[in-house]
Amino acid sequence: MDSVTIREIAHYFLHLVFPVFIALIFFRKNWKKAYLMMLATMLVDLDHIFADPLFDPNRNSIGFHPLHTYPMIGLYALSIILRKGYKIVAVGLLFHMLTDFQDFYFWK
């Protein structure tokens, strides 16, 4: 297996599977709902449609796409503290950003 394949496996594992563990640990009572809500945060990737080219495996999403900017990440972090009803979504968005961050910086 080459590093690109391992990188892709890691990326999609962190986006699709690892949130189950986050849901089980932090939102045990409603873990299924939490998991589905965290999966829904994948919609944040719709901001990629404004990029040219649409997909570039060597592009850092963080700081490039509108919903992946540092001010937005700060807003997601504040949502954990300020907006009780948005805590699960905020956790999902922050973990999404962490996944995209590792995808660019850890696999060079």
N, C-alpha and C. Protein backbone atom coordinates (compact mmCIF):
# COMPACT_ATOMS: atom_id res chain seq x y z
N MET A 1 0.85 -1.18 0.00
CA MET A 1 0.00 0.00 0.00
C MET A 1 0.89 1.24 0.00
N ASP A 2 0.67 2.15 -0.93
CA ASP A 2 1.49 3.36 -0.95
C ASP A 2 0.89 4.42 -0.02
N SER A 3 1.64 5.50 0.19
CA SER A 3 1.23 6.52 1.16
C SER A 3 -0.05 7.24 0.75
N VAL A 4 -0.32 7.37 -0.53
CA VAL A 4 -1.55 8.02 -0.97
C VAL A 4 -2.75 7.19 -0.55
N THR A 5 -2.68 5.90 -0.72
CA THR A 5 -3.78 5.03 -0.33
C THR A 5 -3.99 5.05 1.18
N ILE A 6 -2.93 5.00 1.94
CA ILE A 6 -3.03 5.07 3.40
C ILE A 6 -3.62 6.42 3.81
N ARG A 7 -3.18 7.48 3.14
CA ARG A 7 -3.70 8.82 3.43
C ARG A 7 -5.21 8.87 3.19
N GLU A 8 -5.66 8.31 2.09
CA GLU A 8 -7.09 8.31 1.79
C GLU A 8 -7.88 7.49 2.79
N ILE A 9 -7.35 6.34 3.16
CA ILE A 9 -8.02 5.49 4.15
C ILE A 9 -8.14 6.24 5.47
N ALA A 10 -7.05 6.86 5.90
CA ALA A 10 -7.05 7.62 7.15
C ALA A 10 -8.06 8.75 7.09
N HIS A 11 -8.08 9.46 5.97
CA HIS A 11 -8.98 10.61 5.82
C HIS A 11 -10.44 10.18 5.95
N TYR A 12 -10.83 9.18 5.20
CA TYR A 12 -12.23 8.77 5.22
C TYR A 12 -12.60 8.01 6.50
N PHE A 13 -11.65 7.32 7.10
CA PHE A 13 -11.90 6.70 8.40
C PHE A 13 -12.22 7.78 9.43
N LEU A 14 -11.41 8.84 9.43
CA LEU A 14 -11.63 9.92 10.40
C LEU A 14 -12.92 10.67 10.12
N HIS A 15 -13.31 10.80 8.87
CA HIS A 15 -14.56 11.49 8.55
C HIS A 15 -15.79 10.64 8.82
N LEU A 16 -15.72 9.34 8.55
CA LEU A 16 -16.94 8.52 8.57
C LEU A 16 -17.05 7.55 9.73
N VAL A 17 -15.95 7.02 10.22
CA VAL A 17 -16.00 5.99 11.26
C VAL A 17 -15.67 6.54 12.65
N PHE A 18 -14.62 7.32 12.76
CA PHE A 18 -14.20 7.80 14.07
C PHE A 18 -15.28 8.60 14.81
N PRO A 19 -16.14 9.36 14.10
CA PRO A 19 -17.22 10.05 14.83
C PRO A 19 -18.12 9.12 15.65
N VAL A 20 -18.19 7.84 15.30
CA VAL A 20 -18.95 6.89 16.13
C VAL A 20 -18.35 6.85 17.53
N PHE A 21 -17.03 6.81 17.60
CA PHE A 21 -16.36 6.75 18.91
C PHE A 21 -16.54 8.06 19.68
N ILE A 22 -16.49 9.18 18.98
CA ILE A 22 -16.73 10.48 19.63
C ILE A 22 -18.15 10.50 20.19
N ALA A 23 -19.10 10.03 19.40
CA ALA A 23 -20.50 10.00 19.84
C ALA A 23 -20.68 9.09 21.05
N LEU A 24 -20.05 7.93 21.02
CA LEU A 24 -20.18 6.99 22.14
C LEU A 24 -19.54 7.52 23.42
N ILE A 25 -18.45 8.24 23.29
CA ILE A 25 -17.75 8.75 24.46
C ILE A 25 -18.42 9.99 25.04
N PHE A 26 -18.75 10.96 24.19
CA PHE A 26 -19.24 12.25 24.68
C PHE A 26 -20.75 12.41 24.68
N PHE A 27 -21.45 11.63 23.90
CA PHE A 27 -22.90 11.77 23.79
C PHE A 27 -23.55 10.40 23.93
N ARG A 28 -23.13 9.64 24.92
CA ARG A 28 -23.53 8.25 25.10
C ARG A 28 -25.04 8.04 25.06
N LYS A 29 -25.77 8.90 25.71
CA LYS A 29 -27.22 8.71 25.81
C LYS A 29 -27.90 8.78 24.43
N ASN A 30 -27.44 9.66 23.58
CA ASN A 30 -28.02 9.83 22.25
C ASN A 30 -26.95 9.65 21.18
N TRP A 31 -26.16 8.60 21.29
CA TRP A 31 -25.00 8.46 20.42
C TRP A 31 -25.37 8.32 18.94
N LYS A 32 -26.48 7.65 18.65
CA LYS A 32 -26.86 7.47 17.24
C LYS A 32 -27.23 8.82 16.61
N LYS A 33 -28.01 9.59 17.32
CA LYS A 33 -28.38 10.92 16.84
C LYS A 33 -27.12 11.79 16.70
N ALA A 34 -26.24 11.73 17.68
CA ALA A 34 -25.00 12.51 17.63
C ALA A 34 -24.15 12.11 16.44
N TYR A 35 -24.05 10.81 16.20
CA TYR A 35 -23.26 10.34 15.06
C TYR A 35 -23.84 10.85 13.74
N LEU A 36 -25.15 10.75 13.58
CA LEU A 36 -25.78 11.22 12.34
C LEU A 36 -25.62 12.73 12.16
N MET A 37 -25.69 13.46 13.26
CA MET A 37 -25.50 14.91 13.18
C MET A 37 -24.05 15.24 12.80
N MET A 38 -23.11 14.48 13.35
CA MET A 38 -21.71 14.72 12.99
C MET A 38 -21.46 14.34 11.53
N LEU A 39 -22.10 13.30 11.04
CA LEU A 39 -21.99 12.97 9.62
C LEU A 39 -22.56 14.10 8.76
N ALA A 40 -23.62 14.72 9.23
CA ALA A 40 -24.24 15.82 8.48
C ALA A 40 -23.29 17.01 8.35
N THR A 41 -22.34 17.11 9.25
CA THR A 41 -21.39 18.23 9.15
C THR A 41 -20.49 18.09 7.93
N MET A 42 -20.54 16.94 7.26
CA MET A 42 -19.80 16.78 6.01
C MET A 42 -20.31 17.76 4.95
N LEU A 43 -21.51 18.28 5.15
CA LEU A 43 -22.06 19.26 4.22
C LEU A 43 -21.22 20.53 4.17
N VAL A 44 -20.38 20.74 5.16
CA VAL A 44 -19.48 21.89 5.15
C VAL A 44 -18.56 21.84 3.93
N ASP A 45 -18.37 20.66 3.38
CA ASP A 45 -17.53 20.51 2.20
C ASP A 45 -18.18 21.03 0.92
N LEU A 46 -19.42 21.47 1.00
CA LEU A 46 -20.05 22.07 -0.17
C LEU A 46 -19.32 23.34 -0.61
N ASP A 47 -18.55 23.94 0.30
CA ASP A 47 -17.80 25.14 -0.09
C ASP A 47 -16.68 24.81 -1.07
N HIS A 48 -16.39 23.54 -1.26
CA HIS A 48 -15.36 23.14 -2.23
C HIS A 48 -15.80 23.42 -3.68
N ILE A 49 -17.10 23.57 -3.90
CA ILE A 49 -17.58 23.79 -5.27
C ILE A 49 -17.12 25.13 -5.83
N PHE A 50 -16.68 26.04 -4.96
CA PHE A 50 -16.20 27.34 -5.41
C PHE A 50 -14.73 27.32 -5.79
N ALA A 51 -14.06 26.20 -5.61
CA ALA A 51 -12.63 26.10 -5.89
C ALA A 51 -12.39 25.68 -7.33
N ASP A 52 -11.25 26.11 -7.84
CA ASP A 52 -10.83 25.69 -9.18
C ASP A 52 -9.37 25.28 -9.10
N PRO A 53 -9.05 24.02 -9.28
CA PRO A 53 -9.95 22.93 -9.63
C PRO A 53 -10.79 22.50 -8.43
N LEU A 54 -11.87 21.82 -8.72
CA LEU A 54 -12.79 21.38 -7.68
C LEU A 54 -12.09 20.53 -6.63
N PHE A 55 -11.24 19.61 -7.06
CA PHE A 55 -10.50 18.75 -6.14
C PHE A 55 -9.01 18.82 -6.46
N ASP A 56 -8.23 19.07 -5.44
CA ASP A 56 -6.77 19.08 -5.57
C ASP A 56 -6.22 18.38 -4.33
N PRO A 57 -5.69 17.16 -4.47
CA PRO A 57 -5.23 16.41 -3.30
C PRO A 57 -4.06 17.08 -2.57
N ASN A 58 -3.41 18.02 -3.22
CA ASN A 58 -2.28 18.70 -2.59
C ASN A 58 -2.64 20.08 -2.05
N ARG A 59 -3.92 20.40 -2.02
CA ARG A 59 -4.37 21.70 -1.51
C ARG A 59 -4.79 21.55 -0.04
N ASN A 60 -4.41 22.51 0.76
CA ASN A 60 -4.81 22.55 2.16
C ASN A 60 -6.20 23.18 2.24
N SER A 61 -7.19 22.43 2.67
CA SER A 61 -8.55 22.95 2.79
C SER A 61 -8.64 24.04 3.85
N ILE A 62 -7.88 23.88 4.92
CA ILE A 62 -7.92 24.83 6.03
C ILE A 62 -7.32 26.15 5.57
N GLY A 63 -8.14 27.19 5.68
CA GLY A 63 -7.70 28.51 5.27
C GLY A 63 -7.95 28.81 3.80
N PHE A 64 -8.41 27.82 3.04
CA PHE A 64 -8.64 28.03 1.61
C PHE A 64 -10.13 28.15 1.30
N HIS A 65 -10.90 27.16 1.69
CA HIS A 65 -12.34 27.16 1.41
C HIS A 65 -13.05 28.04 2.44
N PRO A 66 -14.12 28.74 2.04
CA PRO A 66 -14.78 29.70 2.94
C PRO A 66 -15.22 29.15 4.30
N LEU A 67 -15.77 27.95 4.33
CA LEU A 67 -16.22 27.38 5.61
C LEU A 67 -15.10 26.65 6.36
N HIS A 68 -13.89 26.68 5.82
CA HIS A 68 -12.72 26.06 6.43
C HIS A 68 -11.69 27.11 6.87
N THR A 69 -12.12 28.36 6.98
CA THR A 69 -11.20 29.44 7.36
C THR A 69 -11.05 29.49 8.88
N TYR A 70 -9.99 30.14 9.32
CA TYR A 70 -9.74 30.23 10.76
C TYR A 70 -10.84 30.99 11.51
N PRO A 71 -11.40 32.07 10.96
CA PRO A 71 -12.53 32.69 11.67
C PRO A 71 -13.72 31.75 11.84
N MET A 72 -14.01 30.95 10.82
CA MET A 72 -15.11 30.00 10.93
C MET A 72 -14.80 28.91 11.96
N ILE A 73 -13.57 28.45 11.97
CA ILE A 73 -13.17 27.45 12.97
C ILE A 73 -13.33 28.03 14.37
N GLY A 74 -12.98 29.30 14.54
CA GLY A 74 -13.19 29.97 15.82
C GLY A 74 -14.66 30.03 16.19
N LEU A 75 -15.51 30.28 15.20
CA LEU A 75 -16.95 30.30 15.43
C LEU A 75 -17.46 28.91 15.84
N TYR A 76 -16.93 27.89 15.20
CA TYR A 76 -17.33 26.52 15.57
C TYR A 76 -16.92 26.23 17.02
N ALA A 77 -15.74 26.68 17.41
CA ALA A 77 -15.27 26.47 18.78
C ALA A 77 -16.14 27.25 19.77
N LEU A 78 -16.48 28.48 19.44
CA LEU A 78 -17.35 29.27 20.31
C LEU A 78 -18.73 28.65 20.45
N SER A 79 -19.19 27.98 19.41
CA SER A 79 -20.51 27.35 19.45
C SER A 79 -20.60 26.27 20.52
N ILE A 80 -19.50 25.65 20.83
CA ILE A 80 -19.50 24.64 21.89
C ILE A 80 -19.83 25.29 23.23
N ILE A 81 -19.32 26.48 23.44
CA ILE A 81 -19.50 27.18 24.71
C ILE A 81 -20.82 27.95 24.75
N LEU A 82 -21.12 28.66 23.67
CA LEU A 82 -22.23 29.61 23.69
C LEU A 82 -23.58 29.03 23.28
N ARG A 83 -23.59 28.04 22.44
CA ARG A 83 -24.84 27.54 21.89
C ARG A 83 -25.07 26.09 22.32
N LYS A 84 -25.78 25.90 23.40
CA LYS A 84 -25.99 24.56 23.94
C LYS A 84 -26.57 23.59 22.91
N GLY A 85 -27.54 24.00 22.14
CA GLY A 85 -28.18 23.11 21.17
C GLY A 85 -27.31 22.74 19.99
N TYR A 86 -26.19 23.46 19.81
CA TYR A 86 -25.33 23.21 18.65
C TYR A 86 -24.04 22.48 19.01
N LYS A 87 -23.96 21.98 20.23
CA LYS A 87 -22.72 21.37 20.70
C LYS A 87 -22.29 20.18 19.84
N ILE A 88 -23.21 19.31 19.50
CA ILE A 88 -22.87 18.12 18.70
C ILE A 88 -22.39 18.56 17.31
N VAL A 89 -23.09 19.50 16.70
CA VAL A 89 -22.70 19.98 15.38
C VAL A 89 -21.33 20.66 15.45
N ALA A 90 -21.12 21.46 16.50
CA ALA A 90 -19.83 22.14 16.66
C ALA A 90 -18.69 21.14 16.82
N VAL A 91 -18.92 20.11 17.61
CA VAL A 91 -17.89 19.06 17.78
C VAL A 91 -17.63 18.39 16.43
N GLY A 92 -18.67 18.09 15.69
CA GLY A 92 -18.51 17.47 14.38
C GLY A 92 -17.74 18.36 13.42
N LEU A 93 -18.04 19.66 13.42
CA LEU A 93 -17.34 20.60 12.54
C LEU A 93 -15.86 20.73 12.94
N LEU A 94 -15.60 20.81 14.23
CA LEU A 94 -14.21 20.92 14.68
C LEU A 94 -13.42 19.66 14.34
N PHE A 95 -14.04 18.50 14.52
CA PHE A 95 -13.34 17.27 14.18
C PHE A 95 -13.13 17.17 12.67
N HIS A 96 -14.08 17.68 11.90
CA HIS A 96 -13.93 17.71 10.45
C HIS A 96 -12.71 18.56 10.07
N MET A 97 -12.58 19.71 10.72
CA MET A 97 -11.44 20.59 10.44
C MET A 97 -10.13 19.92 10.85
N LEU A 98 -10.14 19.23 11.96
CA LEU A 98 -8.94 18.52 12.41
C LEU A 98 -8.57 17.42 11.41
N THR A 99 -9.56 16.74 10.89
CA THR A 99 -9.32 15.70 9.88
C THR A 99 -8.71 16.29 8.62
N ASP A 100 -9.26 17.42 8.16
CA ASP A 100 -8.71 18.06 6.97
C ASP A 100 -7.31 18.59 7.23
N PHE A 101 -7.07 19.09 8.43
CA PHE A 101 -5.74 19.59 8.81
C PHE A 101 -4.72 18.46 8.75
N GLN A 102 -5.03 17.32 9.36
CA GLN A 102 -4.09 16.20 9.37
C GLN A 102 -3.86 15.66 7.97
N ASP A 103 -4.88 15.74 7.14
CA ASP A 103 -4.77 15.22 5.78
C ASP A 103 -3.69 15.95 4.99
N PHE A 104 -3.53 17.24 5.27
CA PHE A 104 -2.53 18.03 4.54
C PHE A 104 -1.17 17.99 5.22
N TYR A 105 -1.13 18.12 6.54
CA TYR A 105 0.14 18.29 7.24
C TYR A 105 0.83 17.00 7.66
N PHE A 106 0.09 15.94 7.90
CA PHE A 106 0.69 14.70 8.41
C PHE A 106 1.18 13.77 7.30
N TRP A 107 0.78 14.01 6.06
CA TRP A 107 1.08 13.07 4.98
C TRP A 107 2.01 13.65 3.94
N LYS A 108 2.80 14.59 4.31
CA LYS A 108 3.78 15.20 3.38
C LYS A 108 5.00 14.33 3.25
